[in-house]
Protein backbone atom coordinates (compact mmCIF):
# COMPACT_ATOMS: atom_id res chain seq x y z
CA MET A 1 2.35 -17.56 27.09
CA LYS A 2 1.93 -15.13 29.73
CA ARG A 3 1.80 -11.95 27.56
CA LEU A 4 -1.41 -13.47 25.81
CA LEU A 5 -5.10 -12.84 26.63
CA PRO A 6 -6.81 -16.23 27.25
CA SER A 7 -7.49 -16.40 23.62
CA ALA A 8 -7.41 -14.46 20.14
CA LEU A 9 -11.01 -14.19 20.37
CA SER A 10 -11.24 -12.62 23.85
CA LEU A 11 -8.80 -10.04 22.63
CA LEU A 12 -10.67 -9.15 19.19
CA LEU A 13 -13.90 -8.90 21.51
CA LEU A 14 -12.10 -6.95 24.58
CA SER A 15 -13.81 -3.34 25.41
CA ALA A 16 -11.49 -0.77 25.86
CA CYS A 17 -11.84 2.82 27.46
CA MET A 18 -15.10 4.38 26.37
CA LYS A 19 -13.91 8.15 26.45
CA ASP A 20 -11.97 9.81 23.84
CA GLU A 21 -8.04 10.31 23.96
CA LEU A 22 -7.29 12.58 27.03
CA ALA A 23 -6.15 15.88 26.94
CA VAL A 24 -2.32 16.13 27.24
CA PRO A 25 -0.49 18.48 29.36
CA ARG A 26 2.34 20.31 27.97
CA ALA A 27 5.82 20.88 29.85
CA PRO A 28 9.14 22.91 29.14
CA ARG A 29 11.74 21.17 27.64
CA GLY A 30 13.67 19.63 30.71
CA ASP A 31 10.51 18.62 32.75
CA ALA A 32 9.24 14.95 32.74
CA THR A 33 5.86 14.62 31.57
CA GLU A 34 3.06 12.03 32.60
CA ILE A 35 0.80 11.65 29.45
CA GLN A 36 -2.32 8.96 29.01
CA VAL A 37 -4.13 8.34 25.76
CA CYS A 38 -6.96 5.74 25.18
CA MET A 39 -7.56 3.50 22.34
CA GLY A 40 -11.28 3.33 22.29
CA PRO A 41 -13.61 0.65 22.75
CA GLY A 42 -11.93 -2.94 21.52
CA TYR A 43 -9.02 -0.65 21.06
CA GLN A 44 -10.66 0.39 17.92
CA GLN A 45 -8.48 3.96 17.46
CA GLN A 46 -5.11 4.24 16.14
CA VAL A 47 -3.42 7.32 17.97
CA TRP A 48 -0.62 8.93 16.38
CA MET A 49 1.52 11.29 18.57
CA LYS A 50 4.46 13.57 18.90
CA LEU A 51 6.71 13.30 21.86
CA GLN A 52 7.94 17.21 21.83
CA GLY A 53 5.22 18.61 23.51
CA GLY A 54 3.02 15.55 23.94
CA GLU A 55 0.82 16.15 21.20
CA VAL A 56 -1.83 13.65 19.53
CA VAL A 57 -1.31 14.71 15.93
CA SER A 58 -4.64 12.41 14.88
CA THR A 59 -6.48 9.52 15.55
CA ASN A 60 -8.32 7.23 12.94
CA PRO A 61 -10.60 3.81 13.46
CA LYS A 62 -8.02 0.89 12.95
CA THR A 63 -10.85 -0.51 10.32
CA ALA A 64 -10.43 2.68 8.01
CA TRP A 65 -7.76 1.16 5.95
CA GLU A 66 -6.55 -2.07 4.23
CA LEU A 67 -3.68 -1.71 2.57
CA ALA A 68 -0.69 0.71 2.81
CA PHE A 69 1.91 1.66 -0.21
CA GLU A 70 5.39 2.51 0.47
CA ASN A 71 5.81 6.27 -0.89
CA ALA A 72 9.66 6.49 -1.60
CA SER A 73 10.45 7.28 -5.11
CA ASP A 74 11.94 3.58 -5.40
CA GLY A 75 9.53 1.95 -2.85
CA TRP A 76 7.38 -0.88 -3.68
CA ARG A 77 6.35 -2.24 -0.59
CA ILE A 78 2.54 -3.03 0.22
CA MET A 79 1.60 -3.50 3.89
CA LEU A 80 -1.26 -5.03 5.49
CA ASN A 81 -3.30 -3.25 8.16
CA GLY A 82 -1.90 -5.75 11.04
CA SER A 83 -4.46 -4.03 13.68
CA ARG A 84 -7.11 -6.03 12.12
CA LEU A 85 -5.09 -9.51 11.78
CA MET A 86 -4.92 -9.60 8.13
CA THR A 87 -3.24 -11.66 6.01
CA THR A 88 -2.60 -12.73 2.33
CA TRP A 89 -2.37 -15.90 0.28
CA ASN A 90 -0.43 -15.94 -2.75
CA LEU A 91 -2.34 -18.15 -5.52
CA GLY A 92 0.49 -17.47 -8.27
CA ASP A 93 -0.35 -16.28 -11.92
CA VAL A 94 -3.70 -17.45 -12.14
CA ASP A 95 -6.94 -15.73 -13.77
CA ILE A 96 -8.22 -13.29 -11.30
CA THR A 97 -11.85 -13.44 -12.70
CA GLN A 98 -12.01 -17.27 -11.65
CA ALA A 99 -14.16 -17.85 -8.83
CA MET A 100 -12.13 -18.90 -5.94
CA ASP A 101 -12.56 -20.01 -2.32
CA THR A 102 -10.38 -19.83 0.72
CA ALA A 103 -9.85 -23.45 1.21
CA GLY A 104 -6.23 -24.19 1.93
CA MET A 105 -5.43 -20.31 3.16
CA HIS A 106 -4.97 -21.15 6.70
CA ASN A 107 -1.94 -23.17 6.03
CA ALA A 108 -0.68 -20.91 3.44
CA ARG A 109 -1.41 -17.54 4.83
CA ARG A 110 1.38 -14.87 5.49
CA ILE A 111 1.49 -11.90 7.84
CA ASP A 112 3.51 -8.59 7.66
CA ALA A 113 6.55 -8.74 10.18
CA PRO A 114 5.90 -6.13 12.64
CA SER A 115 9.40 -4.97 12.40
CA GLY A 116 8.52 -3.32 8.82
CA HIS A 117 11.74 -5.35 7.30
CA ALA A 118 11.38 -5.26 3.45
CA ASP A 119 12.11 -8.86 3.23
CA SER A 120 9.27 -10.02 5.76
CA THR A 121 6.12 -8.60 4.01
CA ALA A 122 3.03 -10.70 3.32
CA PHE A 123 3.09 -9.56 -0.37
CA GLY A 124 6.39 -10.27 -0.50
CA ASP A 125 8.54 -8.87 -3.63
CA TRP A 126 5.56 -9.29 -5.96
CA ARG A 127 7.31 -7.10 -8.80
CA ASN A 128 8.79 -10.63 -10.14
CA GLY A 129 5.88 -12.22 -10.67
CA ASN A 130 2.22 -11.87 -12.02
CA ALA A 131 0.71 -13.19 -8.59
CA VAL A 132 -2.81 -12.95 -7.62
CA PHE A 133 -3.03 -12.75 -3.51
CA VAL A 134 -6.21 -13.56 -1.60
CA VAL A 135 -6.53 -10.89 0.97
CA ASP A 136 -8.22 -11.68 4.31
CA LEU A 137 -9.43 -8.56 5.52
CA GLY A 138 -9.43 -9.40 9.22
CA TYR A 139 -11.74 -8.44 11.92
CA ASN A 140 -13.62 -5.06 13.52
CA ALA A 141 -13.53 -4.43 16.91
CA LEU A 142 -16.41 -6.59 17.58
CA GLY A 143 -14.31 -9.65 16.39
CA GLN A 144 -16.42 -10.19 13.20
CA GLN A 145 -14.77 -11.27 10.22
CA LEU A 146 -14.75 -8.56 7.17
CA GLY A 147 -14.68 -10.60 4.16
CA TYR A 148 -11.84 -11.04 1.59
CA ARG A 149 -10.55 -9.74 -1.66
CA LYS A 150 -8.47 -10.73 -4.49
CA VAL A 151 -5.51 -8.60 -5.54
CA ARG A 152 -3.05 -8.53 -8.39
CA PRO A 153 -0.54 -5.89 -8.01
CA LEU A 154 0.63 -4.63 -11.68
CA SER A 155 3.07 -2.15 -11.42
CA VAL A 156 5.01 0.51 -9.38
CA ASP A 157 7.17 3.50 -10.36
CA GLY A 158 7.98 6.81 -9.04
CA ALA A 159 4.59 8.30 -9.44
CA GLY A 160 2.24 5.20 -8.02
CA TYR A 161 1.18 1.84 -7.54
CA SER A 162 -1.55 0.16 -10.36
CA LEU A 163 -3.05 -3.01 -9.26
CA GLN A 164 -6.15 -5.08 -9.78
CA VAL A 165 -8.87 -5.81 -7.30
CA ALA A 166 -11.94 -8.08 -7.31
CA PRO A 167 -14.29 -10.15 -4.97
CA LEU A 168 -13.65 -13.98 -4.48
CA ASP A 169 -16.05 -14.84 -7.20
CA GLY A 170 -13.80 -12.53 -9.54
CA SER A 171 -16.54 -10.52 -10.79
CA SER A 172 -16.53 -6.58 -11.24
CA VAL A 173 -12.45 -6.44 -11.63
CA GLN A 174 -11.46 -3.25 -10.97
CA THR A 175 -8.03 -1.23 -11.96
CA ILE A 176 -6.82 0.68 -9.32
CA VAL A 177 -4.00 3.34 -9.32
CA ILE A 178 -2.15 4.40 -6.08
CA PRO A 179 -0.42 7.84 -6.16
CA LYS A 180 2.55 8.29 -4.21
CA ASP A 181 2.63 11.20 -1.74
CA ALA A 182 6.21 12.41 -1.01
CA ALA A 183 5.15 13.87 2.22
CA ARG A 184 4.20 10.44 3.63
CA THR A 185 6.00 7.33 4.27
CA TRP A 186 2.91 5.23 3.59
CA THR A 187 -0.29 5.84 1.48
CA HIS A 188 -3.32 4.33 3.06
CA PHE A 189 -6.30 2.51 0.86
CA SER A 190 -9.78 1.44 1.32
CA PHE A 191 -11.31 -1.01 -0.66
CA SER A 192 -14.67 0.77 0.15
CA ASN A 193 -13.03 4.53 -0.10
CA GLY A 194 -10.03 4.39 -2.00
CA VAL A 195 -6.99 6.34 -0.93
CA VAL A 196 -7.58 7.48 2.73
CA ALA A 197 -5.91 10.00 4.90
CA ILE A 198 -4.59 8.08 7.95
CA GLU A 199 -0.83 8.37 8.48
CA PRO A 200 0.49 12.25 9.20
CA GLU A 201 3.01 13.65 7.31
CA ARG A 202 6.41 12.54 7.91
CA GLY A 203 8.11 14.59 10.67
CA THR A 204 4.91 15.51 12.20
CA TRP A 205 4.66 12.22 14.47
CA ASP A 206 6.84 9.90 16.52
CA ILE A 207 5.00 7.03 17.71
CA VAL A 208 1.50 5.53 17.18
CA PHE A 209 -0.74 3.29 19.72
CA THR A 210 -2.55 0.88 17.98
CA GLN A 211 -3.01 -3.12 17.45
CA TYR A 212 -0.72 -4.92 15.29
CA THR A 213 -0.10 -8.55 14.45
CA HIS A 214 2.68 -10.26 16.12
CA GLN A 215 3.98 -13.87 15.32
CA PHE A 216 4.22 -16.13 18.43
CA TYR A 217 6.06 -19.35 18.11
CA VAL A 218 4.96 -21.19 21.11
CA PRO A 219 2.34 -21.96 20.31
CA TYR A 220 2.93 -21.03 16.63
CA LEU A 221 -0.02 -18.42 16.13
CA PRO A 222 -0.42 -15.06 14.61
CA TYR A 223 -1.89 -12.77 17.41
CA ILE A 224 -3.16 -9.37 17.56
CA VAL A 225 -1.37 -7.47 20.38
CA SER A 226 -1.43 -3.83 21.41
CA GLY A 227 1.67 -1.63 21.49
CA VAL A 228 3.52 1.23 19.96
CA LEU A 229 5.11 1.42 16.52
CA ILE A 230 7.21 3.90 14.93
CA ASP A 231 8.19 5.48 11.54
CA GLY A 232 11.72 4.09 11.17
CA SER A 233 12.41 6.52 8.47
CA THR A 234 12.25 9.45 10.62
CA THR A 235 12.58 7.74 14.44
CA ARG A 236 15.09 5.53 16.19
CA VAL A 237 14.60 3.74 19.35
CA ALA A 238 17.20 2.44 21.94
CA ARG A 239 15.99 -0.30 24.32
CA LEU A 240 17.40 -0.23 27.56
CA GLY A 241 15.48 -2.91 29.42
CA ILE A 242 15.32 -3.03 33.26
CA LYS A 243 16.74 0.62 34.26
CA ASP A 244 16.29 3.37 37.24
CA PHE A 245 14.15 5.86 34.79
CA ASN A 246 15.60 8.86 36.69
CA ALA A 247 19.33 7.94 36.15
CA VAL A 248 19.32 7.10 32.62
CA SER A 249 21.11 9.57 30.31
CA LEU A 250 21.93 9.67 26.73
CA ALA A 251 25.34 7.96 27.56
CA ASP A 252 23.19 4.71 28.16
CA THR A 253 22.96 4.47 24.34
CA LEU A 254 26.74 3.76 24.21
CA GLN A 255 25.80 0.30 25.21
CA HIS A 256 22.12 -0.11 23.60
CA PRO A 257 22.10 0.86 19.86
CA PHE A 258 19.17 2.22 18.41
CA SER A 259 16.77 0.25 15.97
CA ARG A 260 14.71 1.66 13.50
CA ASP A 261 12.13 -1.65 13.43
CA ARG A 262 8.50 -0.62 13.51
CA ASP A 263 8.08 -2.52 16.65
CA ALA A 264 11.32 -1.26 18.38
CA ILE A 265 9.04 -0.32 21.46
CA GLY A 266 6.54 -3.09 20.81
CA PHE A 267 4.36 -4.47 23.30
CA ASP A 268 6.19 -6.59 25.86
CA TRP A 269 6.31 -3.47 28.24
CA LYS A 270 3.15 -5.31 29.81
CA GLU A 271 2.19 -8.78 30.22
CA TYR A 272 -1.03 -10.22 30.92
CA SER A 273 -1.42 -11.84 34.45
CA PHE A 274 -3.73 -14.98 34.48
CA ASP A 275 -3.88 -14.77 38.33
CA THR A 276 -5.31 -11.02 38.47
CA GLY A 277 -7.21 -11.10 34.89
CA SER A 278 -5.31 -7.88 34.11
CA TYR A 279 -2.36 -6.22 32.57
CA ILE A 280 0.66 -5.53 34.41
CA VAL A 281 3.11 -2.84 33.22
CA ASP A 282 6.77 -2.89 34.17
CA PRO A 283 7.93 0.71 34.64
CA GLY A 284 11.54 -0.49 34.72
CA MET A 285 11.54 -0.80 30.98
CA VAL A 286 13.25 2.15 29.77
CA TYR A 287 13.42 3.24 25.95
CA ILE A 288 15.45 6.44 24.59
CA ILE A 289 13.77 7.72 21.53
CA GLU A 290 15.35 9.86 18.98
CA ASP A 291 12.38 11.73 17.40
CA ALA A 292 11.68 13.10 13.78
CA THR A 293 13.39 16.41 14.78
CA GLY A 294 16.18 15.22 16.06
CA TYR A 295 15.47 15.59 19.95
CA PHE A 296 16.15 12.57 22.12
CA HIS A 297 13.58 11.48 25.14
CA LYS A 298 13.87 8.82 27.55
CA LEU A 299 10.32 7.15 28.21
CA HIS A 300 8.70 4.47 30.48
CA PHE A 301 5.17 3.11 30.94
CA LEU A 302 3.45 3.31 34.20
CA ASP A 303 0.00 1.58 33.49
CA PHE A 304 -2.43 0.45 30.92
CA TYR A 305 -5.51 1.58 32.56
CA SER A 306 -7.41 4.85 33.18
CA ASP A 307 -8.30 5.91 36.46
CA LEU A 308 -11.55 4.27 35.83
CA GLY A 309 -10.29 0.92 35.42
CA GLN A 310 -10.48 0.97 31.55
CA VAL A 311 -8.09 -1.06 29.62
CA GLY A 312 -6.48 0.20 26.70
CA CYS A 313 -5.24 3.41 28.13
CA PRO A 314 -1.50 3.62 28.27
CA ARG A 315 0.19 6.01 30.82
CA PHE A 316 3.64 6.64 30.41
CA ALA A 317 6.28 9.45 31.43
CA VAL A 318 8.55 10.92 28.97
CA LYS A 319 11.50 13.23 29.53
CA PRO A 320 13.74 15.16 27.15
CA LEU A 321 17.52 14.42 27.31
C-alpha cells in the first residue's frame, strides 16, 4: 500500500515538526497566497483554519478529547476522536457494573467512517437499544495506549445528552450530562476534564489539519493518516483531480460536483515513497472549496515538510475565485 508508512506503529511514533504553527501571511482578495502550518511533534496538534485571510483560528492537542456529540436540535450522533485510532465494541444490553475484559474486541471493533456519514459511526444509532460500549481510547503522540472506558448512552433531546461511563471493572459508574451548544456543530468531551472547548464556533473555520482514522481494505486495516477534514454543515469541496492550478476557474465545478463529506479533501494529495523514505506531494491535485461565508477558493498542496525538513508541515497555495 504505497500511501502507508511501513507500519502503523511507525506512524504513531513519528516525530513531526518541532516548532509552533507558522505565521500566516495575509493577501488582498484575488491574490494567491502560500500558507504553511505544522501539526507538531508526532502530529499531536489539530490546527483549525479559516481560508479567507489564511487565519489559524485555534489549535489543540489531539489527546484533549475522546468523544464529540452532535449539536443540531435533532442531532444524536456520537463521534470518536479518530486522530487517536479510537474504536468501540458493542456489548449489547448488559450490566455496566459487571467487570469486563477486551477479549474479542479486536474482531468486533468499529471505527467512525471519516466521511462523517450518519450511518457509518462506531456507536451507530444507539437510540434503538440500551447497549453498553467498550471504548478503546486509542494512542497518544508517542504511540502509548490510553486505556478503555465503558459507555452507555441513555438519552438525547434538543437540550443535550445523558450517558453512563465506567472503567472496565464496572466500578465508579457516573451519569454524565452533555449540553448541546447551538454555536458549534459538535460538543467535545474528555473523560478526564468533561466538556472541553475544541471545535471553534460554526462559520469561523473551514478546514482542520489533523490525523484521523481511515479504513483500508488491502490489507484490511484501520489506520491513522494525516490530512484535512471539513465541517460539512458549512463547507463544500469539489475535488478536481489533476489540473493546471493556474487555469482552474469556478466553471470547473460544472464537471466536478461538490461534496460535504468530512474527508472530501482527505489525505491522498500526498503519498509515501518507500524508495526515498519520505512523503511526496502531488501539486496537480486541485480542490475548489466553498467556505463557511459562501466564498470560493481553489487550493493545491505544495509540500509536507518545512524548510528544515520537518514532517507534518503542509504547505499549500490558495486563491479566491
